[in-house]
Amino acid sequence: SVSFWSVAWLSVLYCMRVLSFSSVLFRALKENISTILNVALLVTLLTS
């Protein structure tokens, strides 16, 4: 479970870093994607 979800988070990270967004929400997510994914990794471990 940790491995599968981590691959999914890696895909999210690459997608958010490469793509450009016009929405304010997605821009805010792109600026804070590193912090969000660091927390998501810990939540994934505990949830699994």
ModelCIF file with pLDDT and N, C-alpha, C, O atoms, coordinates in Angstrom:
data_MODEL
#
_entry.id   MODEL 
#
_entity.id                         1 
_entity.type                       polymer 
_entity.pdbx_number_of_molecules   1 
#
_entity_poly.entity_id                      1 
_entity_poly.type                           'polypeptide(L)' 
_entity_poly.nstd_linkage                   no 
_entity_poly.nstd_monomer                   no 
_entity_poly.pdbx_seq_one_letter_code       SVSFWSVAWLSVLYCMRVLSFSSVLFRALKENISTILNVALLVTLLTS 
_entity_poly.pdbx_seq_one_letter_code_can   SVSFWSVAWLSVLYCMRVLSFSSVLFRALKENISTILNVALLVTLLTS 
_entity_poly.pdbx_strand_id                 A 
#
loop_
_entity_poly_seq.entity_id 
_entity_poly_seq.num 
_entity_poly_seq.mon_id 
_entity_poly_seq.hetero 
1 1  SER n 
1 2  VAL n 
1 3  SER n 
1 4  PHE n 
1 5  TRP n 
1 6  SER n 
1 7  VAL n 
1 8  ALA n 
1 9  TRP n 
1 10 LEU n 
1 11 SER n 
1 12 VAL n 
1 13 LEU n 
1 14 TYR n 
1 15 CYS n 
1 16 MET n 
1 17 ARG n 
1 18 VAL n 
1 19 LEU n 
1 20 SER n 
1 21 PHE n 
1 22 SER n 
1 23 SER n 
1 24 VAL n 
1 25 LEU n 
1 26 PHE n 
1 27 ARG n 
1 28 ALA n 
1 29 LEU n 
1 30 LYS n 
1 31 GLU n 
1 32 ASN n 
1 33 ILE n 
1 34 SER n 
1 35 THR n 
1 36 ILE n 
1 37 LEU n 
1 38 ASN n 
1 39 VAL n 
1 40 ALA n 
1 41 LEU n 
1 42 LEU n 
1 43 VAL n 
1 44 THR n 
1 45 LEU n 
1 46 LEU n 
1 47 THR n 
1 48 SER n 
#
_struct_asym.id          A 
_struct_asym.entity_id   1 
#
loop_
_ma_qa_metric.id 
_ma_qa_metric.mode 
_ma_qa_metric.name 
_ma_qa_metric.software_group_id 
_ma_qa_metric.type 
1 global pLDDT . pLDDT 
2 local  pLDDT . pLDDT 
#
_ma_qa_metric_global.metric_id      1 
_ma_qa_metric_global.metric_value   89.56 
_ma_qa_metric_global.model_id       1 
_ma_qa_metric_global.ordinal_id     1 
#
loop_
_ma_qa_metric_local.label_asym_id 
_ma_qa_metric_local.label_comp_id 
_ma_qa_metric_local.label_seq_id 
_ma_qa_metric_local.metric_id 
_ma_qa_metric_local.metric_value 
_ma_qa_metric_local.model_id 
_ma_qa_metric_local.ordinal_id 
A SER 1  2 92.00 1 1  
A VAL 2  2 94.00 1 2  
A SER 3  2 91.00 1 3  
A PHE 4  2 90.00 1 4  
A TRP 5  2 93.00 1 5  
A SER 6  2 92.00 1 6  
A VAL 7  2 89.00 1 7  
A ALA 8  2 90.00 1 8  
A TRP 9  2 91.00 1 9  
A LEU 10 2 88.00 1 10 
A SER 11 2 87.00 1 11 
A VAL 12 2 90.00 1 12 
A LEU 13 2 88.00 1 13 
A TYR 14 2 84.00 1 14 
A CYS 15 2 85.00 1 15 
A MET 16 2 87.00 1 16 
A ARG 17 2 84.00 1 17 
A VAL 18 2 82.00 1 18 
A LEU 19 2 82.00 1 19 
A SER 20 2 80.00 1 20 
A PHE 21 2 82.00 1 21 
A SER 22 2 83.00 1 22 
A SER 23 2 85.00 1 23 
A VAL 24 2 88.00 1 24 
A LEU 25 2 88.00 1 25 
A PHE 26 2 85.00 1 26 
A ARG 27 2 88.00 1 27 
A ALA 28 2 90.00 1 28 
A LEU 29 2 89.00 1 29 
A LYS 30 2 88.00 1 30 
A GLU 31 2 89.00 1 31 
A ASN 32 2 91.00 1 32 
A ILE 33 2 90.00 1 33 
A SER 34 2 90.00 1 34 
A THR 35 2 91.00 1 35 
A ILE 36 2 93.00 1 36 
A LEU 37 2 93.00 1 37 
A ASN 38 2 92.00 1 38 
A VAL 39 2 94.00 1 39 
A ALA 40 2 94.00 1 40 
A LEU 41 2 94.00 1 41 
A LEU 42 2 95.00 1 42 
A VAL 43 2 95.00 1 43 
A THR 44 2 95.00 1 44 
A LEU 45 2 94.00 1 45 
A LEU 46 2 95.00 1 46 
A THR 47 2 95.00 1 47 
A SER 48 2 94.00 1 48 
#
loop_
_atom_site.group_PDB 
_atom_site.id 
_atom_site.type_symbol 
_atom_site.label_atom_id 
_atom_site.label_alt_id 
_atom_site.label_comp_id 
_atom_site.label_asym_id 
_atom_site.label_entity_id 
_atom_site.label_seq_id 
_atom_site.pdbx_PDB_ins_code 
_atom_site.Cartn_x 
_atom_site.Cartn_y 
_atom_site.Cartn_z 
_atom_site.occupancy 
_atom_site.B_iso_or_equiv 
_atom_site.pdbx_formal_charge 
_atom_site.auth_seq_id 
_atom_site.auth_comp_id 
_atom_site.auth_asym_id 
_atom_site.auth_atom_id 
_atom_site.pdbx_PDB_model_num 
ATOM 1   N N  . SER A 1 1  ? 0.821  -1.207 0.000   1.00 92.00 ? 1  SER A N  1 
ATOM 2   C CA . SER A 1 1  ? 0.000  0.000  0.000   1.00 92.00 ? 1  SER A CA 1 
ATOM 3   C C  . SER A 1 1  ? 0.858  1.261  0.000   1.00 92.00 ? 1  SER A C  1 
ATOM 4   O O  . SER A 1 1  ? 0.586  2.198  -0.750  1.00 92.00 ? 1  SER A O  1 
ATOM 5   N N  . VAL A 1 2  ? 1.887  1.287  0.834   1.00 94.00 ? 2  VAL A N  1 
ATOM 6   C CA . VAL A 1 2  ? 2.783  2.447  0.882   1.00 94.00 ? 2  VAL A CA 1 
ATOM 7   C C  . VAL A 1 2  ? 3.490  2.641  -0.457  1.00 94.00 ? 2  VAL A C  1 
ATOM 8   O O  . VAL A 1 2  ? 3.639  3.771  -0.921  1.00 94.00 ? 2  VAL A O  1 
ATOM 9   N N  . SER A 1 3  ? 3.922  1.558  -1.073  1.00 91.00 ? 3  SER A N  1 
ATOM 10  C CA . SER A 1 3  ? 4.609  1.651  -2.350  1.00 91.00 ? 3  SER A CA 1 
ATOM 11  C C  . SER A 1 3  ? 3.672  2.165  -3.448  1.00 91.00 ? 3  SER A C  1 
ATOM 12  O O  . SER A 1 3  ? 4.045  3.047  -4.223  1.00 91.00 ? 3  SER A O  1 
ATOM 13  N N  . PHE A 1 4  ? 2.460  1.614  -3.512  1.00 90.00 ? 4  PHE A N  1 
ATOM 14  C CA . PHE A 1 4  ? 1.509  2.024  -4.547  1.00 90.00 ? 4  PHE A CA 1 
ATOM 15  C C  . PHE A 1 4  ? 1.126  3.497  -4.403  1.00 90.00 ? 4  PHE A C  1 
ATOM 16  O O  . PHE A 1 4  ? 1.114  4.245  -5.380  1.00 90.00 ? 4  PHE A O  1 
ATOM 17  N N  . TRP A 1 5  ? 0.815  3.897  -3.182  1.00 93.00 ? 5  TRP A N  1 
ATOM 18  C CA . TRP A 1 5  ? 0.432  5.290  -2.964  1.00 93.00 ? 5  TRP A CA 1 
ATOM 19  C C  . TRP A 1 5  ? 1.604  6.249  -3.197  1.00 93.00 ? 5  TRP A C  1 
ATOM 20  O O  . TRP A 1 5  ? 1.404  7.366  -3.675  1.00 93.00 ? 5  TRP A O  1 
ATOM 21  N N  . SER A 1 6  ? 2.818  5.819  -2.865  1.00 92.00 ? 6  SER A N  1 
ATOM 22  C CA . SER A 1 6  ? 3.985  6.678  -3.093  1.00 92.00 ? 6  SER A CA 1 
ATOM 23  C C  . SER A 1 6  ? 4.221  6.901  -4.581  1.00 92.00 ? 6  SER A C  1 
ATOM 24  O O  . SER A 1 6  ? 4.588  8.001  -4.993  1.00 92.00 ? 6  SER A O  1 
ATOM 25  N N  . VAL A 1 7  ? 4.010  5.856  -5.397  1.00 89.00 ? 7  VAL A N  1 
ATOM 26  C CA . VAL A 1 7  ? 4.117  6.032  -6.848  1.00 89.00 ? 7  VAL A CA 1 
ATOM 27  C C  . VAL A 1 7  ? 3.071  7.032  -7.341  1.00 89.00 ? 7  VAL A C  1 
ATOM 28  O O  . VAL A 1 7  ? 3.357  7.863  -8.203  1.00 89.00 ? 7  VAL A O  1 
ATOM 29  N N  . ALA A 1 8  ? 1.866  6.947  -6.792  1.00 90.00 ? 8  ALA A N  1 
ATOM 30  C CA . ALA A 1 8  ? 0.821  7.897  -7.164  1.00 90.00 ? 8  ALA A CA 1 
ATOM 31  C C  . ALA A 1 8  ? 1.196  9.317  -6.747  1.00 90.00 ? 8  ALA A C  1 
ATOM 32  O O  . ALA A 1 8  ? 0.974  10.262 -7.503  1.00 90.00 ? 8  ALA A O  1 
ATOM 33  N N  . TRP A 1 9  ? 1.766  9.475  -5.543  1.00 91.00 ? 9  TRP A N  1 
ATOM 34  C CA . TRP A 1 9  ? 2.180  10.812 -5.102  1.00 91.00 ? 9  TRP A CA 1 
ATOM 35  C C  . TRP A 1 9  ? 3.334  11.341 -5.948  1.00 91.00 ? 9  TRP A C  1 
ATOM 36  O O  . TRP A 1 9  ? 3.413  12.542 -6.202  1.00 91.00 ? 9  TRP A O  1 
ATOM 37  N N  . LEU A 1 10 ? 4.224  10.459 -6.384  1.00 88.00 ? 10 LEU A N  1 
ATOM 38  C CA . LEU A 1 10 ? 5.314  10.894 -7.263  1.00 88.00 ? 10 LEU A CA 1 
ATOM 39  C C  . LEU A 1 10 ? 4.766  11.406 -8.592  1.00 88.00 ? 10 LEU A C  1 
ATOM 40  O O  . LEU A 1 10 ? 5.267  12.389 -9.137  1.00 88.00 ? 10 LEU A O  1 
ATOM 41  N N  . SER A 1 11 ? 3.748  10.746 -9.106  1.00 87.00 ? 11 SER A N  1 
ATOM 42  C CA . SER A 1 11 ? 3.113  11.202 -10.338 1.00 87.00 ? 11 SER A CA 1 
ATOM 43  C C  . SER A 1 11 ? 2.447  12.561 -10.138 1.00 87.00 ? 11 SER A C  1 
ATOM 44  O O  . SER A 1 11 ? 2.510  13.423 -11.015 1.00 87.00 ? 11 SER A O  1 
ATOM 45  N N  . VAL A 1 12 ? 1.810  12.748 -8.988  1.00 90.00 ? 12 VAL A N  1 
ATOM 46  C CA . VAL A 1 12 ? 1.203  14.047 -8.681  1.00 90.00 ? 12 VAL A CA 1 
ATOM 47  C C  . VAL A 1 12 ? 2.273  15.131 -8.609  1.00 90.00 ? 12 VAL A C  1 
ATOM 48  O O  . VAL A 1 12 ? 2.073  16.234 -9.116  1.00 90.00 ? 12 VAL A O  1 
ATOM 49  N N  . LEU A 1 13 ? 3.400  14.827 -7.985  1.00 88.00 ? 13 LEU A N  1 
ATOM 50  C CA . LEU A 1 13 ? 4.480  15.799 -7.849  1.00 88.00 ? 13 LEU A CA 1 
ATOM 51  C C  . LEU A 1 13 ? 5.016  16.226 -9.207  1.00 88.00 ? 13 LEU A C  1 
ATOM 52  O O  . LEU A 1 13 ? 5.169  17.422 -9.459  1.00 88.00 ? 13 LEU A O  1 
ATOM 53  N N  . TYR A 1 14 ? 5.306  15.270 -10.087 1.00 84.00 ? 14 TYR A N  1 
ATOM 54  C CA . TYR A 1 14 ? 5.806  15.608 -11.419 1.00 84.00 ? 14 TYR A CA 1 
ATOM 55  C C  . TYR A 1 14 ? 4.778  16.409 -12.210 1.00 84.00 ? 14 TYR A C  1 
ATOM 56  O O  . TYR A 1 14 ? 5.122  17.368 -12.903 1.00 84.00 ? 14 TYR A O  1 
ATOM 57  N N  . CYS A 1 15 ? 3.525  16.010 -12.101 1.00 85.00 ? 15 CYS A N  1 
ATOM 58  C CA . CYS A 1 15 ? 2.466  16.699 -12.831 1.00 85.00 ? 15 CYS A CA 1 
ATOM 59  C C  . CYS A 1 15 ? 2.333  18.151 -12.362 1.00 85.00 ? 15 CYS A C  1 
ATOM 60  O O  . CYS A 1 15 ? 2.227  19.057 -13.189 1.00 85.00 ? 15 CYS A O  1 
ATOM 61  N N  . MET A 1 16 ? 2.338  18.379 -11.069 1.00 87.00 ? 16 MET A N  1 
ATOM 62  C CA . MET A 1 16 ? 2.172  19.737 -10.538 1.00 87.00 ? 16 MET A CA 1 
ATOM 63  C C  . MET A 1 16 ? 3.379  20.609 -10.834 1.00 87.00 ? 16 MET A C  1 
ATOM 64  O O  . MET A 1 16 ? 3.234  21.820 -11.002 1.00 87.00 ? 16 MET A O  1 
ATOM 65  N N  . ARG A 1 17 ? 4.556  20.028 -10.902 1.00 84.00 ? 17 ARG A N  1 
ATOM 66  C CA . ARG A 1 17 ? 5.754  20.823 -11.173 1.00 84.00 ? 17 ARG A CA 1 
ATOM 67  C C  . ARG A 1 17 ? 5.902  21.184 -12.645 1.00 84.00 ? 17 ARG A C  1 
ATOM 68  O O  . ARG A 1 17 ? 6.436  22.245 -12.968 1.00 84.00 ? 17 ARG A O  1 
ATOM 69  N N  . VAL A 1 18 ? 5.446  20.332 -13.526 1.00 82.00 ? 18 VAL A N  1 
ATOM 70  C CA . VAL A 1 18 ? 5.642  20.559 -14.960 1.00 82.00 ? 18 VAL A CA 1 
ATOM 71  C C  . VAL A 1 18 ? 4.527  21.409 -15.553 1.00 82.00 ? 18 VAL A C  1 
ATOM 72  O O  . VAL A 1 18 ? 4.794  22.328 -16.326 1.00 82.00 ? 18 VAL A O  1 
ATOM 73  N N  . LEU A 1 19 ? 3.283  21.111 -15.199 1.00 82.00 ? 19 LEU A N  1 
ATOM 74  C CA . LEU A 1 19 ? 2.144  21.800 -15.798 1.00 82.00 ? 19 LEU A CA 1 
ATOM 75  C C  . LEU A 1 19 ? 1.995  23.208 -15.237 1.00 82.00 ? 19 LEU A C  1 
ATOM 76  O O  . LEU A 1 19 ? 2.417  23.503 -14.118 1.00 82.00 ? 19 LEU A O  1 
ATOM 77  N N  . SER A 1 20 ? 1.394  24.053 -16.032 1.00 80.00 ? 20 SER A N  1 
ATOM 78  C CA . SER A 1 20 ? 1.064  25.417 -15.597 1.00 80.00 ? 20 SER A CA 1 
ATOM 79  C C  . SER A 1 20 ? -0.457 25.532 -15.483 1.00 80.00 ? 20 SER A C  1 
ATOM 80  O O  . SER A 1 20 ? -1.189 24.976 -16.302 1.00 80.00 ? 20 SER A O  1 
ATOM 81  N N  . PHE A 1 21 ? -0.926 26.254 -14.470 1.00 82.00 ? 21 PHE A N  1 
ATOM 82  C CA . PHE A 1 21 ? -2.353 26.340 -14.179 1.00 82.00 ? 21 PHE A CA 1 
ATOM 83  C C  . PHE A 1 21 ? -2.782 27.800 -14.152 1.00 82.00 ? 21 PHE A C  1 
ATOM 84  O O  . PHE A 1 21 ? -2.016 28.686 -13.771 1.00 82.00 ? 21 PHE A O  1 
ATOM 85  N N  . SER A 1 22 ? -4.025 28.030 -14.565 1.00 83.00 ? 22 SER A N  1 
ATOM 86  C CA . SER A 1 22 ? -4.612 29.370 -14.508 1.00 83.00 ? 22 SER A CA 1 
ATOM 87  C C  . SER A 1 22 ? -5.464 29.559 -13.256 1.00 83.00 ? 22 SER A C  1 
ATOM 88  O O  . SER A 1 22 ? -5.713 30.689 -12.834 1.00 83.00 ? 22 SER A O  1 
ATOM 89  N N  . SER A 1 23 ? -5.908 28.459 -12.666 1.00 85.00 ? 23 SER A N  1 
ATOM 90  C CA . SER A 1 23 ? -6.741 28.538 -11.472 1.00 85.00 ? 23 SER A CA 1 
ATOM 91  C C  . SER A 1 23 ? -5.912 28.946 -10.261 1.00 85.00 ? 23 SER A C  1 
ATOM 92  O O  . SER A 1 23 ? -4.773 28.508 -10.099 1.00 85.00 ? 23 SER A O  1 
ATOM 93  N N  . VAL A 1 24 ? -6.496 29.792 -9.409  1.00 88.00 ? 24 VAL A N  1 
ATOM 94  C CA . VAL A 1 24 ? -5.808 30.246 -8.205  1.00 88.00 ? 24 VAL A CA 1 
ATOM 95  C C  . VAL A 1 24 ? -5.582 29.087 -7.247  1.00 88.00 ? 24 VAL A C  1 
ATOM 96  O O  . VAL A 1 24 ? -4.545 29.013 -6.589  1.00 88.00 ? 24 VAL A O  1 
ATOM 97  N N  . LEU A 1 25 ? -6.561 28.174 -7.168  1.00 88.00 ? 25 LEU A N  1 
ATOM 98  C CA . LEU A 1 25 ? -6.451 27.032 -6.266  1.00 88.00 ? 25 LEU A CA 1 
ATOM 99  C C  . LEU A 1 25 ? -5.287 26.129 -6.669  1.00 88.00 ? 25 LEU A C  1 
ATOM 100 O O  . LEU A 1 25 ? -4.489 25.726 -5.823  1.00 88.00 ? 25 LEU A O  1 
ATOM 101 N N  . PHE A 1 26 ? -5.191 25.813 -7.959  1.00 85.00 ? 26 PHE A N  1 
ATOM 102 C CA . PHE A 1 26 ? -4.110 24.935 -8.410  1.00 85.00 ? 26 PHE A CA 1 
ATOM 103 C C  . PHE A 1 26 ? -2.751 25.632 -8.315  1.00 85.00 ? 26 PHE A C  1 
ATOM 104 O O  . PHE A 1 26 ? -1.736 24.970 -8.097  1.00 85.00 ? 26 PHE A O  1 
ATOM 105 N N  . ARG A 1 27 ? -2.719 26.933 -8.473  1.00 88.00 ? 27 ARG A N  1 
ATOM 106 C CA . ARG A 1 27 ? -1.454 27.654 -8.286  1.00 88.00 ? 27 ARG A CA 1 
ATOM 107 C C  . ARG A 1 27 ? -0.994 27.563 -6.833  1.00 88.00 ? 27 ARG A C  1 
ATOM 108 O O  . ARG A 1 27 ? 0.189  27.365 -6.556  1.00 88.00 ? 27 ARG A O  1 
ATOM 109 N N  . ALA A 1 28 ? -1.942 27.709 -5.915  1.00 90.00 ? 28 ALA A N  1 
ATOM 110 C CA . ALA A 1 28 ? -1.588 27.589 -4.493  1.00 90.00 ? 28 ALA A CA 1 
ATOM 111 C C  . ALA A 1 28 ? -1.121 26.172 -4.176  1.00 90.00 ? 28 ALA A C  1 
ATOM 112 O O  . ALA A 1 28 ? -0.180 25.984 -3.404  1.00 90.00 ? 28 ALA A O  1 
ATOM 113 N N  . LEU A 1 29 ? -1.778 25.176 -4.772  1.00 89.00 ? 29 LEU A N  1 
ATOM 114 C CA . LEU A 1 29 ? -1.343 23.796 -4.564  1.00 89.00 ? 29 LEU A CA 1 
ATOM 115 C C  . LEU A 1 29 ? 0.050  23.561 -5.137  1.00 89.00 ? 29 LEU A C  1 
ATOM 116 O O  . LEU A 1 29 ? 0.861  22.852 -4.542  1.00 89.00 ? 29 LEU A O  1 
ATOM 117 N N  . LYS A 1 30 ? 0.324  24.161 -6.299  1.00 88.00 ? 30 LYS A N  1 
ATOM 118 C CA . LYS A 1 30 ? 1.640  23.984 -6.913  1.00 88.00 ? 30 LYS A CA 1 
ATOM 119 C C  . LYS A 1 30 ? 2.740  24.603 -6.065  1.00 88.00 ? 30 LYS A C  1 
ATOM 120 O O  . LYS A 1 30 ? 3.833  24.046 -5.971  1.00 88.00 ? 30 LYS A O  1 
ATOM 121 N N  . GLU A 1 31 ? 2.468  25.746 -5.447  1.00 89.00 ? 31 GLU A N  1 
ATOM 122 C CA . GLU A 1 31 ? 3.473  26.402 -4.623  1.00 89.00 ? 31 GLU A CA 1 
ATOM 123 C C  . GLU A 1 31 ? 3.760  25.624 -3.338  1.00 89.00 ? 31 GLU A C  1 
ATOM 124 O O  . GLU A 1 31 ? 4.880  25.659 -2.828  1.00 89.00 ? 31 GLU A O  1 
ATOM 125 N N  . ASN A 1 32 ? 2.767  24.932 -2.821  1.00 91.00 ? 32 ASN A N  1 
ATOM 126 C CA . ASN A 1 32 ? 2.927  24.208 -1.550  1.00 91.00 ? 32 ASN A CA 1 
ATOM 127 C C  . ASN A 1 32 ? 2.899  22.698 -1.736  1.00 91.00 ? 32 ASN A C  1 
ATOM 128 O O  . ASN A 1 32 ? 2.633  21.969 -0.781  1.00 91.00 ? 32 ASN A O  1 
ATOM 129 N N  . ILE A 1 33 ? 3.169  22.212 -2.950  1.00 90.00 ? 33 ILE A N  1 
ATOM 130 C CA . ILE A 1 33 ? 3.036  20.785 -3.229  1.00 90.00 ? 33 ILE A CA 1 
ATOM 131 C C  . ILE A 1 33 ? 4.030  19.953 -2.425  1.00 90.00 ? 33 ILE A C  1 
ATOM 132 O O  . ILE A 1 33 ? 3.711  18.832 -2.029  1.00 90.00 ? 33 ILE A O  1 
ATOM 133 N N  . SER A 1 34 ? 5.218  20.476 -2.179  1.00 90.00 ? 34 SER A N  1 
ATOM 134 C CA . SER A 1 34 ? 6.214  19.707 -1.424  1.00 90.00 ? 34 SER A CA 1 
ATOM 135 C C  . SER A 1 34 ? 5.748  19.446 0.002   1.00 90.00 ? 34 SER A C  1 
ATOM 136 O O  . SER A 1 34 ? 5.828  18.319 0.490   1.00 90.00 ? 34 SER A O  1 
ATOM 137 N N  . THR A 1 35 ? 5.262  20.488 0.668   1.00 91.00 ? 35 THR A N  1 
ATOM 138 C CA . THR A 1 35 ? 4.771  20.322 2.040   1.00 91.00 ? 35 THR A CA 1 
ATOM 139 C C  . THR A 1 35 ? 3.562  19.397 2.084   1.00 91.00 ? 35 THR A C  1 
ATOM 140 O O  . THR A 1 35 ? 3.447  18.556 2.974   1.00 91.00 ? 35 THR A O  1 
ATOM 141 N N  . ILE A 1 36 ? 2.665  19.558 1.120   1.00 93.00 ? 36 ILE A N  1 
ATOM 142 C CA . ILE A 1 36 ? 1.456  18.733 1.082   1.00 93.00 ? 36 ILE A CA 1 
ATOM 143 C C  . ILE A 1 36 ? 1.817  17.261 0.915   1.00 93.00 ? 36 ILE A C  1 
ATOM 144 O O  . ILE A 1 36 ? 1.251  16.404 1.594   1.00 93.00 ? 36 ILE A O  1 
ATOM 145 N N  . LEU A 1 37 ? 2.749  16.964 0.022   1.00 93.00 ? 37 LEU A N  1 
ATOM 146 C CA . LEU A 1 37 ? 3.106  15.567 -0.237  1.00 93.00 ? 37 LEU A CA 1 
ATOM 147 C C  . LEU A 1 37 ? 3.921  14.968 0.904   1.00 93.00 ? 37 LEU A C  1 
ATOM 148 O O  . LEU A 1 37 ? 3.815  13.772 1.174   1.00 93.00 ? 37 LEU A O  1 
ATOM 149 N N  . ASN A 1 38 ? 4.728  15.780 1.574   1.00 92.00 ? 38 ASN A N  1 
ATOM 150 C CA . ASN A 1 38 ? 5.436  15.259 2.752   1.00 92.00 ? 38 ASN A CA 1 
ATOM 151 C C  . ASN A 1 38 ? 4.460  14.810 3.832   1.00 92.00 ? 38 ASN A C  1 
ATOM 152 O O  . ASN A 1 38 ? 4.646  13.767 4.460   1.00 92.00 ? 38 ASN A O  1 
ATOM 153 N N  . VAL A 1 39 ? 3.415  15.612 4.039   1.00 94.00 ? 39 VAL A N  1 
ATOM 154 C CA . VAL A 1 39 ? 2.376  15.225 4.997   1.00 94.00 ? 39 VAL A CA 1 
ATOM 155 C C  . VAL A 1 39 ? 1.598  14.016 4.478   1.00 94.00 ? 39 VAL A C  1 
ATOM 156 O O  . VAL A 1 39 ? 1.245  13.123 5.247   1.00 94.00 ? 39 VAL A O  1 
ATOM 157 N N  . ALA A 1 40 ? 1.332  13.993 3.164   1.00 94.00 ? 40 ALA A N  1 
ATOM 158 C CA . ALA A 1 40 ? 0.573  12.884 2.576   1.00 94.00 ? 40 ALA A CA 1 
ATOM 159 C C  . ALA A 1 40 ? 1.309  11.555 2.734   1.00 94.00 ? 40 ALA A C  1 
ATOM 160 O O  . ALA A 1 40 ? 0.677  10.517 2.936   1.00 94.00 ? 40 ALA A O  1 
ATOM 161 N N  . LEU A 1 41 ? 2.630  11.578 2.646   1.00 94.00 ? 41 LEU A N  1 
ATOM 162 C CA . LEU A 1 41 ? 3.398  10.348 2.828   1.00 94.00 ? 41 LEU A CA 1 
ATOM 163 C C  . LEU A 1 41 ? 3.243  9.789  4.237   1.00 94.00 ? 41 LEU A C  1 
ATOM 164 O O  . LEU A 1 41 ? 3.064  8.584  4.416   1.00 94.00 ? 41 LEU A O  1 
ATOM 165 N N  . LEU A 1 42 ? 3.313  10.667 5.239   1.00 95.00 ? 42 LEU A N  1 
ATOM 166 C CA . LEU A 1 42 ? 3.142  10.211 6.622   1.00 95.00 ? 42 LEU A CA 1 
ATOM 167 C C  . LEU A 1 42 ? 1.723  9.713  6.874   1.00 95.00 ? 42 LEU A C  1 
ATOM 168 O O  . LEU A 1 42 ? 1.526  8.706  7.555   1.00 95.00 ? 42 LEU A O  1 
ATOM 169 N N  . VAL A 1 43 ? 0.731  10.421 6.323   1.00 95.00 ? 43 VAL A N  1 
ATOM 170 C CA . VAL A 1 43 ? -0.662 9.989  6.475   1.00 95.00 ? 43 VAL A CA 1 
ATOM 171 C C  . VAL A 1 43 ? -0.875 8.639  5.796   1.00 95.00 ? 43 VAL A C  1 
ATOM 172 O O  . VAL A 1 43 ? -1.595 7.789  6.321   1.00 95.00 ? 43 VAL A O  1 
ATOM 173 N N  . THR A 1 44 ? -0.254 8.435  4.632   1.00 95.00 ? 44 THR A N  1 
ATOM 174 C CA . THR A 1 44 ? -0.370 7.156  3.924   1.00 95.00 ? 44 THR A CA 1 
ATOM 175 C C  . THR A 1 44 ? 0.200  6.023  4.754   1.00 95.00 ? 44 THR A C  1 
ATOM 176 O O  . THR A 1 44 ? -0.397 4.949  4.832   1.00 95.00 ? 44 THR A O  1 
ATOM 177 N N  . LEU A 1 45 ? 1.354  6.250  5.377   1.00 94.00 ? 45 LEU A N  1 
ATOM 178 C CA . LEU A 1 45 ? 1.972  5.222  6.212   1.00 94.00 ? 45 LEU A CA 1 
ATOM 179 C C  . LEU A 1 45 ? 1.088  4.855  7.391   1.00 94.00 ? 45 LEU A C  1 
ATOM 180 O O  . LEU A 1 45 ? 0.873  3.675  7.665   1.00 94.00 ? 45 LEU A O  1 
ATOM 181 N N  . LEU A 1 46 ? 0.570  5.869  8.094   1.00 95.00 ? 46 LEU A N  1 
ATOM 182 C CA . LEU A 1 46 ? -0.273 5.609  9.266   1.00 95.00 ? 46 LEU A CA 1 
ATOM 183 C C  . LEU A 1 46 ? -1.597 4.959  8.869   1.00 95.00 ? 46 LEU A C  1 
ATOM 184 O O  . LEU A 1 46 ? -2.076 4.050  9.547   1.00 95.00 ? 46 LEU A O  1 
ATOM 185 N N  . THR A 1 47 ? -2.182 5.427  7.772   1.00 95.00 ? 47 THR A N  1 
ATOM 186 C CA . THR A 1 47 ? -3.458 4.859  7.322   1.00 95.00 ? 47 THR A CA 1 
ATOM 187 C C  . THR A 1 47 ? -3.303 3.402  6.898   1.00 95.00 ? 47 THR A C  1 
ATOM 188 O O  . THR A 1 47 ? -4.166 2.570  7.179   1.00 95.00 ? 47 THR A O  1 
ATOM 189 N N  . SER A 1 48 ? -2.200 3.103  6.220   1.00 94.00 ? 48 SER A N  1 
ATOM 190 C CA . SER A 1 48 ? -1.972 1.725  5.782   1.00 94.00 ? 48 SER A CA 1 
ATOM 191 C C  . SER A 1 48 ? -1.815 0.787  6.972   1.00 94.00 ? 48 SER A C  1 
ATOM 192 O O  . SER A 1 48 ? -1.616 -0.414 6.789   1.00 94.00 ? 48 SER A O  1 
#
